[in-house]
Amino acid sequence: MSTVEFAPTAIQIPERPSKWDIIPIHNSDRATFKFCRRQWAWSSPNRLNLVPRATVYGMGKSARNLWFGTGIHHALERYYHPGIREDPAVAWETWFNLQWLGGIVHEDEIKEFVDRNPQADTHLGNNEFTYKVEGLCDILPDFGEDNAEVFLELKDLGVGMMKFYKEYAEAHDNFTVIMVEHDFSVPVLNEKGEPLYAVDTRVMPEGWEPDFDKGNEFGPLMQESTYGALMKQVHVRGRQDQIQQEHEYGRYGIMDYKTASRIDEDYFRHLELDEQCTSYLAFGQLEAKLYGLPHKELEYITYQAMLKAYPKPPSVTSKGLPSLDRQKEHTTAKLFEKFILENGLKPLYDADEKMQNYYAYLLDLGDKLYIQRNDTWRNANQRINAMTRLYYEARDMLGNPVLYPNPNKNFSCINCAFRLPCIQAETGDDFMNTLENGYIQNWDR
């Protein structure tokens, strides 16, 4: 019987090329481009690269959900990092306090913060700085749901979820972390494996000069065309989730964390054709090829759904009994049993079929009420097709497309961050003034 060979852990994160030395296509831009070209034009780094000013618009539900998920990712990155192994509840609380109160952060961390206009604090050398970021308590307008009570509830929620997650991970993890969550940048390739080059229409920062010696195995990062135009490699960029090696067979895959308000039998139905799952496996393999990393083939993604809740003792009804509401209660069989015994309800439980059925439901569901992991697999052909689709999407994005809107009644349109100026553009009002005063350049894109 052969033994499984395991890769070394704590692989150093590859250094991405400067965003000015290549043309970036952010993975999030792809879905936006296909959904609404006006939204893409206003948010893409290859166009206006705007985000709403939190001081003007606050943080709506969608923005808060994204912000909360960022914090959970941060805490789990700290927990799984082989050189850190920080308690995820402590990591979450530390992250929240810095987000809420502000403080000094490294330049690489700014993208996690709502403050899009940080002030340089200390020069670290090699053109690196620390920055002073403002906290949410100073940035957010004092109206609607943007108040301390809402965010402090989110703080407690994150702490509770991460305490439970640590217990869950210690019991269920069966993998070795090869590379923690990190930013990536890989060339866009055609069917023949050739990189896409295009003319960069962005205004370059002061002092930037082309360097024709920079390159990778696919060619130089920049070159002059036969017509004398400066052409740059087009790269897809984004945030790669955790790379892991499972213990049973030694196969490589990705762990993707998602937070959800509800996890049911329909939650994972989209995975079979989920483009993000397919493309991130392809991007991860290409990154490994570029930098000589051990995970030459990424076969699967573990799609982990975490309920935005954590186990608590049962709620008490007006009759002094435990609530049996399966839609609202967040407890466990152990906590339910403890409540029955501590409150002298065992005789009543023995005679109550509804209580017994609820307890059996909790036993059967177990940890799946709060965390579910579902592996989804992609073969080599699927990964190649994903890269080919990206190639043609990138060509469309960089080919001076018509920037028409796509108004509709679905969630993404109704809750779009650019809804107000979009409506103004349709009614003939001064939407440019709204963009100039209500939006700001996104950081690090």
Protein backbone atom coordinates (compact mmCIF):
# COMPACT_ATOMS: atom_id res chain seq x y z
CA MET A 1 0.00 0.00 0.00
CA SER A 2 1.50 3.33 -1.04
CA THR A 3 1.76 6.21 1.40
CA VAL A 4 0.44 9.68 0.76
CA GLU A 5 3.10 12.34 0.35
CA PHE A 6 2.26 15.69 1.90
CA ALA A 7 3.49 19.07 0.78
CA PRO A 8 5.30 21.45 3.13
CA THR A 9 3.02 23.84 4.95
CA ALA A 10 3.12 27.63 5.23
CA ILE A 11 4.14 28.26 1.61
CA GLN A 12 5.17 31.89 1.21
CA ILE A 13 2.54 34.00 -0.56
CA PRO A 14 3.68 34.93 -4.11
CA GLU A 15 4.26 38.64 -4.68
CA ARG A 16 1.81 40.09 -7.17
CA PRO A 17 3.08 42.40 -9.94
CA SER A 18 2.22 46.07 -9.56
CA LYS A 19 -1.26 46.90 -10.80
CA TRP A 20 0.38 49.51 -13.06
CA ASP A 21 2.67 46.96 -14.76
CA ILE A 22 -0.28 44.88 -15.98
CA ILE A 23 -3.93 45.53 -16.84
CA PRO A 24 -6.08 44.17 -14.02
CA ILE A 25 -9.41 42.43 -14.56
CA HIS A 26 -10.85 41.81 -11.11
CA ASN A 27 -12.81 38.63 -10.80
CA SER A 28 -15.72 40.54 -9.27
CA ASP A 29 -15.82 42.75 -12.40
CA ARG A 30 -16.76 39.77 -14.54
CA ALA A 31 -20.17 39.22 -12.99
CA THR A 32 -20.82 42.97 -12.89
CA PHE A 33 -19.94 43.35 -16.58
CA LYS A 34 -22.35 40.59 -17.57
CA PHE A 35 -25.09 41.89 -15.28
CA CYS A 36 -25.00 45.65 -15.95
CA ARG A 37 -22.43 47.51 -17.99
CA ARG A 38 -23.24 50.85 -16.38
CA GLN A 39 -22.55 49.44 -12.91
CA TRP A 40 -19.33 47.92 -14.27
CA ALA A 41 -18.22 51.20 -15.85
CA TRP A 42 -18.66 53.08 -12.58
CA SER A 43 -17.08 50.42 -10.32
CA SER A 44 -14.34 48.79 -12.41
CA PRO A 45 -10.67 49.82 -11.89
CA ASN A 46 -10.40 50.03 -15.67
CA ARG A 47 -13.10 52.72 -15.65
CA LEU A 48 -14.17 55.07 -12.82
CA ASN A 49 -13.29 52.64 -9.97
CA LEU A 50 -15.84 54.14 -7.56
CA VAL A 51 -17.41 53.03 -4.29
CA PRO A 52 -20.05 54.91 -2.28
CA ARG A 53 -18.82 57.30 0.40
CA ALA A 54 -19.87 55.73 3.69
CA THR A 55 -20.11 59.23 5.17
CA VAL A 56 -22.90 59.95 2.68
CA TYR A 57 -24.69 56.65 2.17
CA GLY A 58 -23.77 54.70 5.29
CA MET A 59 -23.70 50.92 4.99
CA GLY A 60 -26.81 49.22 3.68
CA LYS A 61 -27.66 45.61 4.43
CA SER A 62 -25.70 44.28 1.45
CA ALA A 63 -22.61 46.29 2.39
CA ARG A 64 -22.84 45.17 6.01
CA ASN A 65 -23.12 41.54 4.93
CA LEU A 66 -19.98 41.86 2.80
CA TRP A 67 -18.19 43.67 5.62
CA PHE A 68 -19.17 40.98 8.13
CA GLY A 69 -17.98 38.24 5.77
CA THR A 70 -14.64 40.01 5.37
CA GLY A 71 -14.16 39.91 9.13
CA ILE A 72 -14.99 36.20 9.32
CA HIS A 73 -12.48 35.50 6.54
CA HIS A 74 -9.86 37.53 8.43
CA ALA A 75 -10.44 35.59 11.65
CA LEU A 76 -10.22 32.21 9.90
CA GLU A 77 -7.11 33.25 8.01
CA ARG A 78 -5.44 34.04 11.34
CA TYR A 79 -6.67 30.76 12.81
CA TYR A 80 -5.39 28.57 9.97
CA HIS A 81 -2.11 30.39 9.35
CA PRO A 82 0.53 27.85 10.48
CA GLY A 83 2.75 30.61 11.84
CA ILE A 84 -0.01 32.37 13.82
CA ARG A 85 -2.79 29.95 14.88
CA GLU A 86 -4.70 32.70 16.65
CA ASP A 87 -7.98 31.89 18.36
CA PRO A 88 -10.60 32.93 15.74
CA ALA A 89 -12.87 34.58 18.33
CA VAL A 90 -9.95 36.74 19.52
CA ALA A 91 -8.97 37.53 15.92
CA TRP A 92 -12.53 38.55 15.07
CA GLU A 93 -12.89 40.78 18.13
CA THR A 94 -9.54 42.46 17.44
CA TRP A 95 -10.53 43.06 13.82
CA PHE A 96 -13.93 44.44 14.84
CA ASN A 97 -12.46 46.86 17.38
CA LEU A 98 -10.01 48.22 14.81
CA GLN A 99 -12.80 48.53 12.26
CA TRP A 100 -15.09 50.30 14.71
CA LEU A 101 -12.57 52.61 16.41
CA GLY A 102 -9.93 52.99 13.69
CA GLY A 103 -6.18 52.87 14.14
CA ILE A 104 -2.85 52.25 12.43
CA VAL A 105 -2.66 49.55 9.75
CA HIS A 106 -0.25 48.40 7.08
CA GLU A 107 -0.92 49.44 3.49
CA ASP A 108 -1.88 45.86 2.56
CA GLU A 109 -4.71 45.91 5.13
CA ILE A 110 -6.43 49.11 4.00
CA LYS A 111 -8.67 47.33 1.51
CA GLU A 112 -10.49 45.68 4.45
CA PHE A 113 -11.59 49.06 5.85
CA VAL A 114 -14.46 51.35 4.95
CA ASP A 115 -12.18 54.42 5.10
CA ARG A 116 -11.16 54.95 1.47
CA ASN A 117 -9.09 58.06 2.20
CA PRO A 118 -6.54 56.91 4.82
CA GLN A 119 -3.70 59.15 5.92
CA ALA A 120 -0.06 58.01 5.66
CA ASP A 121 1.40 57.60 9.14
CA THR A 122 4.90 56.08 9.15
CA HIS A 123 7.36 55.39 6.35
CA LEU A 124 8.69 51.83 6.69
CA GLY A 125 11.21 52.06 3.87
CA ASN A 126 11.07 50.53 0.36
CA ASN A 127 8.18 52.87 -0.38
CA GLU A 128 5.99 51.15 2.25
CA PHE A 129 3.89 53.01 4.81
CA THR A 130 1.54 52.45 7.68
CA TYR A 131 -1.72 54.38 7.50
CA LYS A 132 -4.20 55.89 9.92
CA VAL A 133 -7.71 54.69 9.14
CA GLU A 134 -10.86 56.17 10.63
CA GLY A 135 -13.25 53.85 12.41
CA LEU A 136 -16.86 53.21 11.53
CA CYS A 137 -18.02 55.06 14.65
CA ASP A 138 -16.61 58.26 13.11
CA ILE A 139 -17.38 57.56 9.45
CA LEU A 140 -20.97 56.37 9.41
CA PRO A 141 -23.78 58.93 9.38
CA ASP A 142 -26.01 58.83 12.43
CA PHE A 143 -29.21 57.59 10.83
CA GLY A 144 -31.05 54.42 9.90
CA GLU A 145 -29.42 51.14 10.83
CA ASP A 146 -25.89 52.56 10.96
CA ASN A 147 -25.70 52.85 14.72
CA ALA A 148 -23.62 51.38 17.51
CA GLU A 149 -26.29 48.94 18.65
CA VAL A 150 -26.47 47.20 15.26
CA PHE A 151 -22.71 46.85 14.98
CA LEU A 152 -22.20 45.73 18.57
CA GLU A 153 -24.76 42.98 17.92
CA LEU A 154 -22.67 41.96 14.92
CA LYS A 155 -19.61 41.93 17.17
CA ASP A 156 -21.27 39.50 19.56
CA LEU A 157 -22.51 37.40 16.63
CA GLY A 158 -19.00 37.09 15.21
CA VAL A 159 -17.50 36.15 18.57
CA GLY A 160 -20.15 33.46 19.13
CA MET A 161 -19.74 32.04 15.62
CA MET A 162 -15.95 31.87 15.91
CA LYS A 163 -16.04 30.21 19.33
CA PHE A 164 -18.28 27.52 17.91
CA TYR A 165 -16.18 27.24 14.76
CA LYS A 166 -13.02 26.47 16.73
CA GLU A 167 -14.77 23.57 18.46
CA TYR A 168 -16.15 22.38 15.11
CA ALA A 169 -12.78 22.59 13.36
CA GLU A 170 -10.99 20.67 16.09
CA ALA A 171 -13.50 17.85 15.66
CA HIS A 172 -13.93 17.82 11.86
CA ASP A 173 -10.86 19.25 10.06
CA ASN A 174 -9.11 16.57 8.03
CA PHE A 175 -6.68 18.61 5.95
CA THR A 176 -3.40 20.46 6.05
CA VAL A 177 -3.32 24.14 5.09
CA ILE A 178 -0.85 24.68 2.24
CA MET A 179 -1.49 28.37 1.62
CA VAL A 180 -3.71 30.79 3.53
CA GLU A 181 -6.14 33.18 1.87
CA HIS A 182 -4.23 35.66 -0.27
CA ASP A 183 -4.46 38.07 -3.21
CA PHE A 184 -3.53 36.64 -6.61
CA SER A 185 -2.73 37.95 -10.08
CA VAL A 186 -2.40 35.57 -13.06
CA PRO A 187 -2.35 36.16 -16.83
CA VAL A 188 -5.51 35.79 -18.92
CA LEU A 189 -4.79 33.01 -21.44
CA ASN A 190 -6.49 31.93 -24.67
CA GLU A 191 -7.21 28.34 -25.77
CA LYS A 192 -3.58 27.92 -26.86
CA GLY A 193 -2.22 29.08 -23.51
CA GLU A 194 -1.09 32.45 -24.89
CA PRO A 195 -1.41 35.61 -22.76
CA LEU A 196 -3.73 38.46 -23.68
CA TYR A 197 -2.09 41.87 -24.23
CA ALA A 198 -3.93 45.18 -24.48
CA VAL A 199 -3.34 48.94 -24.41
CA ASP A 200 -3.73 50.39 -20.92
CA THR A 201 -6.11 53.40 -20.98
CA ARG A 202 -5.62 54.32 -17.30
CA VAL A 203 -3.66 57.43 -16.27
CA MET A 204 -0.36 56.22 -14.82
CA PRO A 205 0.85 57.56 -11.46
CA GLU A 206 3.57 60.17 -11.37
CA GLY A 207 7.02 58.60 -11.77
CA TRP A 208 5.84 55.33 -13.35
CA GLU A 209 7.98 54.17 -16.26
CA PRO A 210 7.69 51.00 -18.37
CA ASP A 211 10.14 48.23 -17.50
CA PHE A 212 10.54 45.82 -20.40
CA ASP A 213 12.66 43.43 -18.31
CA LYS A 214 9.71 42.38 -16.14
CA GLY A 215 7.96 39.20 -17.20
CA ASN A 216 6.93 35.63 -16.49
CA GLU A 217 7.04 32.34 -18.35
CA PHE A 218 4.30 33.57 -20.70
CA GLY A 219 6.32 36.57 -21.85
CA PRO A 220 7.15 40.16 -20.85
CA LEU A 221 4.65 42.04 -18.72
CA MET A 222 4.81 44.91 -21.21
CA GLN A 223 6.02 45.33 -24.77
CA GLU A 224 5.72 47.67 -27.73
CA SER A 225 3.42 46.65 -30.55
CA THR A 226 4.43 46.86 -34.20
CA TYR A 227 2.58 50.21 -34.23
CA GLY A 228 4.61 51.56 -31.31
CA ALA A 229 1.81 51.28 -28.71
CA LEU A 230 2.66 50.06 -25.21
CA MET A 231 0.91 46.74 -24.61
CA LYS A 232 0.57 45.07 -21.21
CA GLN A 233 -0.35 41.59 -20.08
CA VAL A 234 -3.96 41.39 -18.91
CA HIS A 235 -4.24 39.71 -15.50
CA VAL A 236 -7.23 38.44 -13.57
CA ARG A 237 -6.88 39.47 -9.93
CA GLY A 238 -8.81 38.67 -6.81
CA ARG A 239 -8.74 37.05 -3.41
CA GLN A 240 -7.87 33.35 -3.48
CA ASP A 241 -9.29 31.23 -0.71
CA GLN A 242 -7.34 28.79 1.42
CA ILE A 243 -5.38 26.06 -0.41
CA GLN A 244 -5.43 22.75 1.42
CA GLN A 245 -4.38 19.13 1.07
CA GLU A 246 -6.86 16.55 2.31
CA HIS A 247 -5.47 13.74 4.44
CA GLU A 248 -7.20 10.70 2.96
CA TYR A 249 -5.67 10.72 -0.52
CA GLY A 250 -3.38 13.78 -0.46
CA ARG A 251 -5.40 15.66 -3.08
CA TYR A 252 -5.27 19.47 -3.29
CA GLY A 253 -8.28 21.72 -3.13
CA ILE A 254 -9.67 25.06 -1.94
CA MET A 255 -11.70 25.94 1.15
CA ASP A 256 -14.24 28.67 0.42
CA TYR A 257 -16.03 30.22 3.42
CA LYS A 258 -19.53 31.64 3.10
CA THR A 259 -21.77 33.16 5.77
CA ALA A 260 -25.50 32.69 5.32
CA SER A 261 -28.72 33.66 7.06
CA ARG A 262 -30.20 30.28 6.17
CA ILE A 263 -28.76 26.91 5.12
CA ASP A 264 -31.21 24.41 3.68
CA GLU A 265 -31.28 21.67 1.04
CA ASP A 266 -31.37 24.24 -1.78
CA TYR A 267 -28.34 26.20 -0.59
CA PHE A 268 -25.79 24.08 -2.49
CA ARG A 269 -27.80 23.46 -5.67
CA HIS A 270 -25.90 26.11 -7.65
CA LEU A 271 -22.49 24.49 -7.12
CA GLU A 272 -22.61 22.17 -10.12
CA LEU A 273 -22.19 25.10 -12.53
CA ASP A 274 -20.90 27.75 -10.14
CA GLU A 275 -18.45 29.86 -12.17
CA GLN A 276 -16.51 31.11 -9.16
CA CYS A 277 -15.72 27.56 -8.05
CA THR A 278 -14.51 26.58 -11.52
CA SER A 279 -12.49 29.70 -12.20
CA TYR A 280 -10.77 29.80 -8.81
CA LEU A 281 -9.55 26.22 -9.27
CA ALA A 282 -8.17 27.25 -12.67
CA PHE A 283 -6.58 30.44 -11.29
CA GLY A 284 -5.02 28.54 -8.38
CA GLN A 285 -3.45 26.00 -10.71
CA LEU A 286 -2.06 28.72 -12.95
CA GLU A 287 -0.61 30.55 -9.92
CA ALA A 288 1.05 27.30 -8.79
CA LYS A 289 2.58 26.88 -12.26
CA LEU A 290 3.88 30.46 -12.32
CA TYR A 291 5.57 30.23 -8.93
CA GLY A 292 6.55 26.56 -8.71
CA LEU A 293 4.11 25.73 -5.91
CA PRO A 294 3.25 22.11 -5.00
CA HIS A 295 -0.47 22.16 -5.84
CA LYS A 296 -0.10 21.55 -9.59
CA GLU A 297 -3.67 20.25 -9.76
CA LEU A 298 -6.54 21.61 -7.69
CA GLU A 299 -9.38 19.11 -7.93
CA TYR A 300 -12.11 20.35 -5.63
CA ILE A 301 -13.54 23.20 -3.60
CA THR A 302 -14.90 22.61 -0.13
CA TYR A 303 -17.80 25.05 -0.05
CA GLN A 304 -18.34 25.78 3.63
CA ALA A 305 -21.57 27.50 4.64
CA MET A 306 -21.65 29.05 8.12
CA LEU A 307 -24.99 30.08 9.56
CA LYS A 308 -25.00 33.61 10.96
CA ALA A 309 -25.90 32.26 14.39
CA TYR A 310 -24.36 30.16 17.14
CA PRO A 311 -25.68 27.67 19.72
CA LYS A 312 -27.53 29.13 22.70
CA PRO A 313 -29.77 27.65 25.39
CA PRO A 314 -33.42 27.30 24.28
CA SER A 315 -35.63 30.35 24.55
CA VAL A 316 -38.22 30.14 27.32
CA THR A 317 -41.91 30.44 26.47
CA SER A 318 -44.45 32.25 28.64
CA LYS A 319 -45.28 28.85 30.16
CA GLY A 320 -41.70 28.32 31.28
CA LEU A 321 -41.08 25.66 28.64
CA PRO A 322 -38.33 25.51 25.99
CA SER A 323 -39.32 26.90 22.61
CA LEU A 324 -39.58 24.24 19.87
CA ASP A 325 -39.57 26.72 16.96
CA ARG A 326 -37.27 25.14 14.37
CA GLN A 327 -37.13 28.34 12.30
CA LYS A 328 -36.09 30.70 15.08
CA GLU A 329 -34.27 28.60 17.68
CA HIS A 330 -30.49 28.15 17.62
CA THR A 331 -29.64 25.50 20.15
CA THR A 332 -28.17 21.99 20.27
CA ALA A 333 -29.32 18.65 21.62
CA LYS A 334 -26.81 18.98 24.46
CA LEU A 335 -28.06 22.45 25.46
CA PHE A 336 -31.69 21.34 25.12
CA GLU A 337 -31.08 18.32 27.35
CA LYS A 338 -29.30 20.48 29.90
CA PHE A 339 -32.27 22.89 30.00
CA ILE A 340 -34.73 20.01 30.56
CA LEU A 341 -32.72 18.54 33.43
CA GLU A 342 -31.84 21.82 35.16
CA ASN A 343 -35.48 22.97 35.12
CA GLY A 344 -36.95 19.70 36.37
CA LEU A 345 -38.83 19.07 33.12
CA LYS A 346 -37.81 15.45 32.58
CA PRO A 347 -41.22 14.00 33.58
CA LEU A 348 -42.96 16.42 31.24
CA TYR A 349 -40.47 15.62 28.45
CA ASP A 350 -41.09 11.87 28.85
CA ALA A 351 -44.81 12.47 28.29
CA ASP A 352 -44.52 15.07 25.49
CA GLU A 353 -44.07 13.67 21.97
CA LYS A 354 -43.38 17.12 20.46
CA MET A 355 -40.44 17.68 22.83
CA GLN A 356 -39.08 14.24 22.03
CA ASN A 357 -39.36 14.81 18.29
CA TYR A 358 -37.62 18.18 18.61
CA TYR A 359 -34.78 16.61 20.60
CA ALA A 360 -34.46 13.85 17.96
CA TYR A 361 -34.34 16.57 15.28
CA LEU A 362 -31.49 18.31 17.10
CA LEU A 363 -29.60 15.03 17.52
CA ASP A 364 -29.99 14.18 13.84
CA LEU A 365 -28.97 17.61 12.58
CA GLY A 366 -26.05 18.08 14.94
CA ASP A 367 -23.45 20.62 13.82
CA LYS A 368 -25.05 20.82 10.34
CA LEU A 369 -27.49 23.38 11.70
CA TYR A 370 -24.56 25.83 11.92
CA ILE A 371 -21.83 24.63 9.56
CA GLN A 372 -22.06 22.49 6.44
CA ARG A 373 -19.24 21.52 4.11
CA ASN A 374 -19.94 20.40 0.57
CA ASP A 375 -17.20 19.30 -1.84
CA THR A 376 -17.65 20.20 -5.49
CA TRP A 377 -15.31 18.81 -8.15
CA ARG A 378 -14.11 20.07 -11.52
CA ASN A 379 -12.24 18.11 -14.19
CA ALA A 380 -9.45 19.44 -16.42
CA ASN A 381 -11.83 20.27 -19.27
CA GLN A 382 -14.04 22.41 -17.02
CA ARG A 383 -11.03 24.38 -15.80
CA ILE A 384 -9.82 25.00 -19.36
CA ASN A 385 -13.28 26.17 -20.40
CA ALA A 386 -13.35 28.60 -17.48
CA MET A 387 -10.09 30.21 -18.60
CA THR A 388 -11.35 30.43 -22.18
CA ARG A 389 -14.53 32.20 -21.06
CA LEU A 390 -12.40 34.64 -19.07
CA TYR A 391 -10.29 35.38 -22.15
CA TYR A 392 -13.30 36.38 -24.24
CA GLU A 393 -14.89 38.32 -21.39
CA ALA A 394 -11.66 40.27 -20.92
CA ARG A 395 -11.51 41.06 -24.64
CA ASP A 396 -15.07 42.37 -24.46
CA MET A 397 -14.30 44.52 -21.40
CA LEU A 398 -11.21 46.05 -22.98
CA GLY A 399 -12.75 46.50 -26.42
CA ASN A 400 -14.56 49.80 -25.79
CA PRO A 401 -17.98 48.21 -25.07
CA VAL A 402 -21.26 50.12 -25.16
CA LEU A 403 -22.10 51.03 -21.54
CA TYR A 404 -25.84 50.46 -21.41
CA PRO A 405 -27.67 49.77 -18.12
CA ASN A 406 -29.73 46.70 -17.29
CA PRO A 407 -32.63 47.87 -15.09
CA ASN A 408 -34.68 45.04 -13.61
CA LYS A 409 -36.48 44.03 -10.44
CA ASN A 410 -34.03 41.54 -8.99
CA PHE A 411 -32.07 42.01 -5.75
CA SER A 412 -28.80 43.08 -7.38
CA CYS A 413 -30.47 45.98 -9.18
CA ILE A 414 -32.77 47.12 -6.37
CA ASN A 415 -29.87 47.13 -3.90
CA CYS A 416 -27.19 48.38 -6.31
CA ALA A 417 -24.69 50.79 -4.74
CA PHE A 418 -25.18 53.07 -7.78
CA ARG A 419 -28.98 53.04 -7.84
CA LEU A 420 -29.45 56.80 -7.20
CA PRO A 421 -27.11 58.10 -9.94
CA CYS A 422 -28.42 55.39 -12.29
CA ILE A 423 -31.99 56.64 -11.83
CA GLN A 424 -30.73 60.19 -12.33
CA ALA A 425 -29.00 59.16 -15.56
CA GLU A 426 -32.29 57.70 -16.80
CA THR A 427 -34.35 60.77 -15.86
CA GLY A 428 -31.83 63.23 -17.31
CA ASP A 429 -30.76 64.69 -13.94
CA ASP A 430 -27.18 65.57 -12.94
CA PHE A 431 -25.89 62.10 -12.10
CA MET A 432 -22.25 63.17 -12.55
CA ASN A 433 -22.57 65.56 -9.60
CA THR A 434 -23.88 62.69 -7.49
CA LEU A 435 -20.96 60.49 -8.53
CA GLU A 436 -18.44 63.24 -7.76
CA ASN A 437 -19.84 64.06 -4.32
CA GLY A 438 -21.26 60.75 -3.15
CA TYR A 439 -18.55 58.34 -4.33
CA ILE A 440 -14.82 57.93 -3.94
CA GLN A 441 -12.00 56.01 -5.63
CA ASN A 442 -11.71 52.44 -4.40
CA TRP A 443 -8.48 51.63 -2.62
CA ASP A 444 -5.99 49.14 -4.08
CA ARG A 445 -7.89 48.32 -7.26
